[in-house]
Amino acid sequence: MRNFTCVHDLGNLEQALKEAFEIKKDRFKYVELGKNKTLMMIFFNSSLRTRLSTQKAALNLGMNVMVLDINQGAWKLETERGVIMDGDKPEHLLEAIPVMGCYCDVIGVRSFARFENRDDDYNEVILNQFIKYSGRPVFSMEAATRHPLQSFADLITIEEYKKTARPKVVMTWAPHPRALPQAVPNSFAEWMNATDYDFVITHPEGYELDPKFVGNARVEYDQMKAFEGADFVYAKNWAAYSGDNYGKILNTDRSWTVGERQMAVTNNAYFMHCLPVRRNMIVTDDVIESPQSIVIPEAANREISATVVLKRILESL
């Protein structure tokens, strides 16, 4: 595997899950694989779980790790072509990228949607520049449209906790005070559609995701109806995708906050969220602190998903 940006790069999911559970039993089984190899992690945006879990995964594999925070520990970088660089950005990404590639063997990039131009976001301009110009394998640590390391960890978690071969998994929109990208819901939907789960997406009207990510999922605008009989509930906010509303908040209806009322109609569902989570906006205290909340094991599996991805990239070098 040269690059990792979506579920399709991983190939056979059953084999990927087999590797994940193998690594979970022995995280250092492949510690010699990354000897004398260097991972460079590049952050255009903040991170907690992604930063720590990916660095831990690299250490599991014996790699050296360098972490670069753009706009904090480095020059501010211009990303647009044709710009007269007379402002506060003294270096262009097109020079910075190949320089970064000189110092490492693998590059991880985290760059969120900007909500300035939907085409630029959905064409993954920054991530694809790294793939094109770095000369190194590149993997996404969350991009404008997807968060594949998170979604892989989500899949691992569901496989660990499911009680039936084909669980009902519901992804629900929930209110949030800020406009958030569609990367996590897009990615989660894409990965769930790659399984044979019974997958449902529920959200208010106006929050429809890009159809290519919705895929074959059932879309239900009645949250309570969607939750009926659910085995897993995955809560996440996202801003509007369509047309002139792209990146906007259209609804702050607190009745969509996941609480005991909604969970009562499920099949004693497990609650999931990628974190960080705004309590009593996305989910009530009672739900996230309940025995059915698996947000911490879900976060722990980020180390496992990253280890599998890095292992496969190292094997391709």
Protein backbone atom coordinates (compact mmCIF):
# COMPACT_ATOMS: atom_id res chain seq x y z
CA MET A 1 0.00 0.00 0.00
CA ARG A 2 1.61 3.25 -1.14
CA ASN A 3 -0.89 5.85 0.13
CA PHE A 4 -3.85 5.68 2.51
CA THR A 5 -6.69 8.16 2.13
CA CYS A 6 -9.86 6.04 2.15
CA VAL A 7 -11.28 2.57 2.80
CA HIS A 8 -10.58 1.43 -0.77
CA ASP A 9 -6.81 1.77 -0.25
CA LEU A 10 -6.96 -0.90 2.46
CA GLY A 11 -8.30 -3.63 0.18
CA ASN A 12 -9.96 -6.65 1.77
CA LEU A 13 -11.51 -5.53 5.07
CA GLU A 14 -11.59 -9.02 6.56
CA GLN A 15 -7.83 -9.30 6.11
CA ALA A 16 -7.30 -5.79 7.50
CA LEU A 17 -9.35 -6.64 10.58
CA LYS A 18 -7.42 -9.88 11.01
CA GLU A 19 -4.19 -7.86 11.05
CA ALA A 20 -5.72 -5.37 13.49
CA PHE A 21 -6.63 -8.05 16.03
CA GLU A 22 -3.25 -9.72 15.56
CA ILE A 23 -1.50 -6.43 16.33
CA LYS A 24 -3.79 -5.77 19.27
CA LYS A 25 -2.54 -9.00 20.85
CA ASP A 26 1.10 -8.01 20.28
CA ARG A 27 1.63 -4.33 19.43
CA PHE A 28 5.38 -4.79 19.01
CA LYS A 29 5.31 -7.87 16.79
CA TYR A 30 6.63 -5.85 13.84
CA VAL A 31 8.99 -3.56 15.76
CA GLU A 32 11.88 -4.32 13.39
CA LEU A 33 9.86 -3.30 10.34
CA GLY A 34 10.37 0.43 10.86
CA LYS A 35 14.01 0.32 12.00
CA ASN A 36 15.92 3.32 10.62
CA LYS A 37 12.74 4.65 8.99
CA THR A 38 11.34 8.08 9.82
CA LEU A 39 7.73 9.20 9.96
CA MET A 40 6.98 12.90 9.55
CA MET A 41 3.60 13.97 10.95
CA ILE A 42 2.39 17.31 9.56
CA PHE A 43 -0.44 19.14 11.30
CA PHE A 44 -2.26 22.05 9.71
CA ASN A 45 -4.92 21.62 12.41
CA SER A 46 -5.10 20.70 16.09
CA SER A 47 -5.06 17.12 17.29
CA LEU A 48 -5.04 14.98 20.41
CA ARG A 49 -5.97 11.35 19.58
CA THR A 50 -4.54 11.42 16.06
CA ARG A 51 -1.24 12.90 17.17
CA LEU A 52 -0.75 10.55 20.12
CA SER A 53 -2.10 7.35 18.57
CA THR A 54 -0.20 7.73 15.30
CA GLN A 55 3.05 8.54 17.06
CA LYS A 56 2.55 5.52 19.33
CA ALA A 57 1.83 3.34 16.30
CA ALA A 58 5.08 4.45 14.66
CA LEU A 59 7.00 3.66 17.86
CA ASN A 60 5.34 0.23 17.96
CA LEU A 61 6.91 -0.39 14.56
CA GLY A 62 10.35 0.90 15.57
CA MET A 63 10.16 4.13 13.57
CA ASN A 64 11.68 7.51 14.33
CA VAL A 65 9.07 10.27 14.47
CA MET A 66 9.16 13.98 13.64
CA VAL A 67 6.14 16.22 14.28
CA LEU A 68 5.63 19.55 12.52
CA ASP A 69 2.89 22.01 13.43
CA ILE A 70 2.32 24.30 10.48
CA ASN A 71 1.74 27.96 11.45
CA GLN A 72 3.12 27.28 14.95
CA GLY A 73 6.52 25.60 14.76
CA ALA A 74 7.18 26.43 11.11
CA TRP A 75 6.77 29.18 8.54
CA LYS A 76 3.23 29.98 7.52
CA LEU A 77 2.71 28.30 4.17
CA GLU A 78 0.97 29.63 1.09
CA THR A 79 -1.15 26.96 -0.57
CA GLU A 80 -2.57 28.75 -3.62
CA ARG A 81 -0.90 29.01 -7.01
CA GLY A 82 -0.56 32.39 -8.69
CA VAL A 83 -0.63 34.34 -5.45
CA ILE A 84 1.70 37.34 -5.04
CA MET A 85 3.33 36.40 -1.76
CA ASP A 86 3.48 39.84 -0.16
CA GLY A 87 1.62 38.88 3.01
CA ASP A 88 2.44 36.90 6.15
CA LYS A 89 3.26 33.61 4.36
CA PRO A 90 6.95 33.54 3.40
CA GLU A 91 7.08 30.00 1.99
CA HIS A 92 4.98 28.13 -0.56
CA LEU A 93 3.76 24.61 0.04
CA LEU A 94 5.18 23.55 -3.33
CA GLU A 95 8.73 24.19 -2.10
CA ALA A 96 8.06 23.03 1.45
CA ILE A 97 6.61 19.65 0.46
CA PRO A 98 9.62 18.24 -1.45
CA VAL A 99 11.93 19.58 1.27
CA MET A 100 9.92 17.68 3.89
CA GLY A 101 10.18 14.58 1.73
CA CYS A 102 13.99 14.81 1.87
CA TYR A 103 13.97 14.23 5.63
CA CYS A 104 11.65 11.23 6.05
CA ASP A 105 10.37 7.97 4.61
CA VAL A 106 6.61 8.33 5.25
CA ILE A 107 4.42 11.42 5.65
CA GLY A 108 1.14 11.79 7.56
CA VAL A 109 -0.94 14.90 6.84
CA ARG A 110 -3.79 16.48 8.80
CA SER A 111 -5.61 19.29 6.97
CA PHE A 112 -9.28 20.11 7.55
CA ALA A 113 -11.84 21.59 5.20
CA ARG A 114 -11.66 25.37 5.13
CA PHE A 115 -15.26 25.99 4.06
CA GLU A 116 -14.00 28.69 1.68
CA ASN A 117 -14.51 26.74 -1.54
CA ARG A 118 -16.31 23.41 -1.68
CA ASP A 119 -14.51 22.32 -4.85
CA ASP A 120 -11.10 22.92 -3.27
CA ASP A 121 -12.12 21.04 -0.14
CA TYR A 122 -13.64 18.10 -1.98
CA ASN A 123 -10.74 17.89 -4.43
CA GLU A 124 -8.42 17.51 -1.41
CA VAL A 125 -6.00 20.10 -2.78
CA ILE A 126 -3.52 20.05 0.12
CA LEU A 127 -3.45 16.28 0.68
CA ASN A 128 -3.04 15.62 -3.04
CA GLN A 129 -0.18 18.11 -3.28
CA PHE A 130 1.69 16.05 -0.70
CA ILE A 131 0.97 12.86 -2.63
CA LYS A 132 2.12 14.47 -5.90
CA TYR A 133 5.20 16.40 -4.79
CA SER A 134 6.68 14.76 -1.67
CA GLY A 135 8.09 11.67 -3.34
CA ARG A 136 7.03 9.70 -0.25
CA PRO A 137 4.11 7.49 0.76
CA VAL A 138 1.41 9.70 2.28
CA PHE A 139 -1.45 8.84 4.60
CA SER A 140 -4.33 10.99 5.81
CA MET A 141 -4.54 11.90 9.48
CA GLU A 142 -7.85 13.61 8.58
CA ALA A 143 -8.38 15.55 5.41
CA ALA A 144 -11.14 17.80 4.12
CA THR A 145 -13.50 14.98 3.15
CA ARG A 146 -12.42 11.87 5.09
CA HIS A 147 -10.86 10.65 8.35
CA PRO A 148 -9.91 7.07 7.45
CA LEU A 149 -7.79 6.25 10.52
CA GLN A 150 -10.79 7.12 12.70
CA SER A 151 -13.20 5.12 10.58
CA PHE A 152 -10.92 2.08 10.59
CA ALA A 153 -10.78 2.29 14.40
CA ASP A 154 -14.58 2.61 14.47
CA LEU A 155 -14.90 -0.56 12.39
CA ILE A 156 -12.50 -2.43 14.67
CA THR A 157 -14.57 -1.33 17.68
CA ILE A 158 -17.88 -2.42 16.17
CA GLU A 159 -16.40 -5.80 15.29
CA GLU A 160 -15.24 -6.21 18.89
CA TYR A 161 -18.58 -5.30 20.45
CA LYS A 162 -21.19 -6.55 17.99
CA LYS A 163 -23.56 -9.25 19.24
CA THR A 164 -25.04 -10.16 15.86
CA ALA A 165 -23.40 -10.84 12.51
CA ARG A 166 -25.22 -7.93 10.89
CA PRO A 167 -25.76 -5.18 13.49
CA LYS A 168 -27.86 -2.11 12.89
CA VAL A 169 -25.58 0.92 12.95
CA VAL A 170 -27.10 4.40 13.05
CA MET A 171 -25.13 7.57 12.42
CA THR A 172 -26.97 10.58 13.77
CA TRP A 173 -26.39 14.30 13.31
CA ALA A 174 -26.41 16.26 16.56
CA PRO A 175 -26.25 20.00 17.27
CA HIS A 176 -23.02 21.92 17.75
CA PRO A 177 -22.20 25.62 18.25
CA ARG A 178 -19.62 25.64 15.44
CA ALA A 179 -19.66 24.61 11.79
CA LEU A 180 -17.79 21.31 11.56
CA PRO A 181 -16.48 19.55 8.44
CA GLN A 182 -18.13 16.50 6.94
CA ALA A 183 -14.91 14.45 7.05
CA VAL A 184 -15.85 12.12 9.91
CA PRO A 185 -19.44 11.43 8.82
CA ASN A 186 -18.37 11.05 5.17
CA SER A 187 -15.67 8.61 6.13
CA PHE A 188 -17.77 6.65 8.61
CA ALA A 189 -20.51 6.28 5.99
CA GLU A 190 -18.01 5.13 3.38
CA TRP A 191 -16.57 2.48 5.69
CA MET A 192 -19.98 1.26 6.88
CA ASN A 193 -21.10 0.93 3.26
CA ALA A 194 -18.08 -1.29 2.66
CA THR A 195 -19.49 -3.78 5.21
CA ASP A 196 -22.74 -5.74 5.20
CA TYR A 197 -24.09 -3.92 8.27
CA ASP A 198 -27.60 -2.50 8.35
CA PHE A 199 -26.56 1.15 8.09
CA VAL A 200 -28.84 4.15 8.62
CA ILE A 201 -28.06 7.89 8.53
CA THR A 202 -30.39 10.31 10.32
CA HIS A 203 -30.28 14.10 10.23
CA PRO A 204 -32.54 17.12 9.82
CA GLU A 205 -33.43 18.22 6.31
CA GLY A 206 -30.69 20.34 4.80
CA TYR A 207 -27.86 18.23 6.20
CA GLU A 208 -27.67 15.73 3.36
CA LEU A 209 -24.13 14.50 2.76
CA ASP A 210 -22.45 14.10 -0.61
CA PRO A 211 -24.31 11.21 -2.29
CA LYS A 212 -21.06 9.40 -3.08
CA PHE A 213 -20.52 8.93 0.66
CA VAL A 214 -24.15 8.19 1.52
CA GLY A 215 -24.00 5.31 -0.93
CA ASN A 216 -26.55 2.62 -0.18
CA ALA A 217 -27.30 3.81 3.35
CA ARG A 218 -30.90 4.44 4.33
CA VAL A 219 -31.53 8.10 5.14
CA GLU A 220 -34.17 8.80 7.80
CA TYR A 221 -35.20 12.32 8.82
CA ASP A 222 -37.05 11.09 11.92
CA GLN A 223 -34.33 10.44 14.49
CA MET A 224 -36.49 8.39 16.83
CA LYS A 225 -37.60 6.12 13.99
CA ALA A 226 -33.98 5.69 12.90
CA PHE A 227 -32.92 4.68 16.42
CA GLU A 228 -35.48 1.89 16.74
CA GLY A 229 -33.66 -1.42 17.23
CA ALA A 230 -30.20 0.08 16.73
CA ASP A 231 -27.20 -1.90 18.01
CA PHE A 232 -24.75 1.00 17.66
CA VAL A 233 -25.36 4.76 17.68
CA TYR A 234 -22.64 6.95 16.22
CA ALA A 235 -23.24 10.64 16.96
CA LYS A 236 -21.53 13.45 15.06
CA ASN A 237 -22.21 17.01 14.00
CA TRP A 238 -21.51 18.30 10.53
CA ALA A 239 -22.23 21.53 8.67
CA ALA A 240 -24.37 21.70 5.55
CA TYR A 241 -22.88 20.31 2.34
CA SER A 242 -25.22 21.44 -0.42
CA GLY A 243 -24.93 24.49 -2.64
CA ASP A 244 -24.78 27.96 -1.15
CA ASN A 245 -25.28 26.50 2.33
CA TYR A 246 -21.92 24.72 2.25
CA GLY A 247 -20.20 25.05 5.61
CA LYS A 248 -23.18 26.71 7.29
CA ILE A 249 -25.12 25.90 10.45
CA LEU A 250 -28.79 25.46 9.52
CA ASN A 251 -30.13 23.94 12.71
CA THR A 252 -29.32 23.94 16.43
CA ASP A 253 -32.34 21.90 17.56
CA ARG A 254 -31.39 20.41 20.93
CA SER A 255 -33.98 17.67 20.53
CA TRP A 256 -31.38 15.94 18.34
CA THR A 257 -28.94 15.71 21.28
CA VAL A 258 -28.53 11.99 22.00
CA GLY A 259 -30.06 11.28 25.39
CA GLU A 260 -31.87 8.56 27.29
CA ARG A 261 -35.07 9.25 25.34
CA GLN A 262 -33.44 8.20 22.06
CA MET A 263 -31.38 5.36 23.51
CA ALA A 264 -34.49 3.84 25.10
CA VAL A 265 -35.83 2.75 21.70
CA THR A 266 -32.58 1.05 20.66
CA ASN A 267 -31.54 -2.55 21.17
CA ASN A 268 -29.51 -1.50 24.22
CA ALA A 269 -27.19 0.17 21.73
CA TYR A 270 -23.57 1.07 22.26
CA PHE A 271 -22.84 4.76 22.00
CA MET A 272 -19.93 5.91 19.84
CA HIS A 273 -18.28 9.23 19.07
CA CYS A 274 -14.88 10.10 17.59
CA LEU A 275 -14.11 12.69 20.31
CA PRO A 276 -13.69 15.46 21.33
CA VAL A 277 -17.37 15.67 22.20
CA ARG A 278 -19.36 18.62 23.52
CA ARG A 279 -21.43 17.18 26.35
CA ASN A 280 -25.10 18.07 26.44
CA MET A 281 -24.88 19.33 22.87
CA ILE A 282 -23.95 16.12 21.07
CA VAL A 283 -24.75 13.71 23.90
CA THR A 284 -26.00 13.93 27.47
CA ASP A 285 -23.83 13.12 30.47
CA ASP A 286 -25.99 10.11 31.29
CA VAL A 287 -25.43 8.49 27.91
CA ILE A 288 -21.72 9.10 27.51
CA GLU A 289 -21.06 7.93 31.07
CA SER A 290 -23.25 4.85 30.78
CA PRO A 291 -21.89 1.28 30.54
CA GLN A 292 -22.99 1.29 26.90
CA SER A 293 -20.63 4.13 26.02
CA ILE A 294 -17.59 2.77 24.20
CA VAL A 295 -15.96 6.06 23.26
CA ILE A 296 -12.77 5.25 25.21
CA PRO A 297 -12.18 1.78 23.70
CA GLU A 298 -12.99 3.38 20.34
CA ALA A 299 -10.29 6.01 20.91
CA ALA A 300 -7.84 3.33 22.07
CA ASN A 301 -8.32 1.51 18.77
CA ARG A 302 -6.86 4.52 16.97
CA GLU A 303 -3.43 3.14 17.90
CA ILE A 304 -4.35 -0.16 16.29
CA SER A 305 -5.72 1.28 13.05
CA ALA A 306 -2.65 3.50 12.65
CA THR A 307 -0.30 0.58 13.32
CA VAL A 308 -1.93 -1.53 10.60
CA VAL A 309 -1.77 1.32 8.08
CA LEU A 310 1.86 2.17 8.84
CA LYS A 311 2.81 -1.53 8.77
CA ARG A 312 1.37 -1.90 5.29
CA ILE A 313 3.08 1.25 4.04
CA LEU A 314 6.42 0.13 5.46
CA GLU A 315 6.00 -3.27 3.79
CA SER A 316 5.66 -1.49 0.44
CA LEU A 317 8.91 0.51 0.75
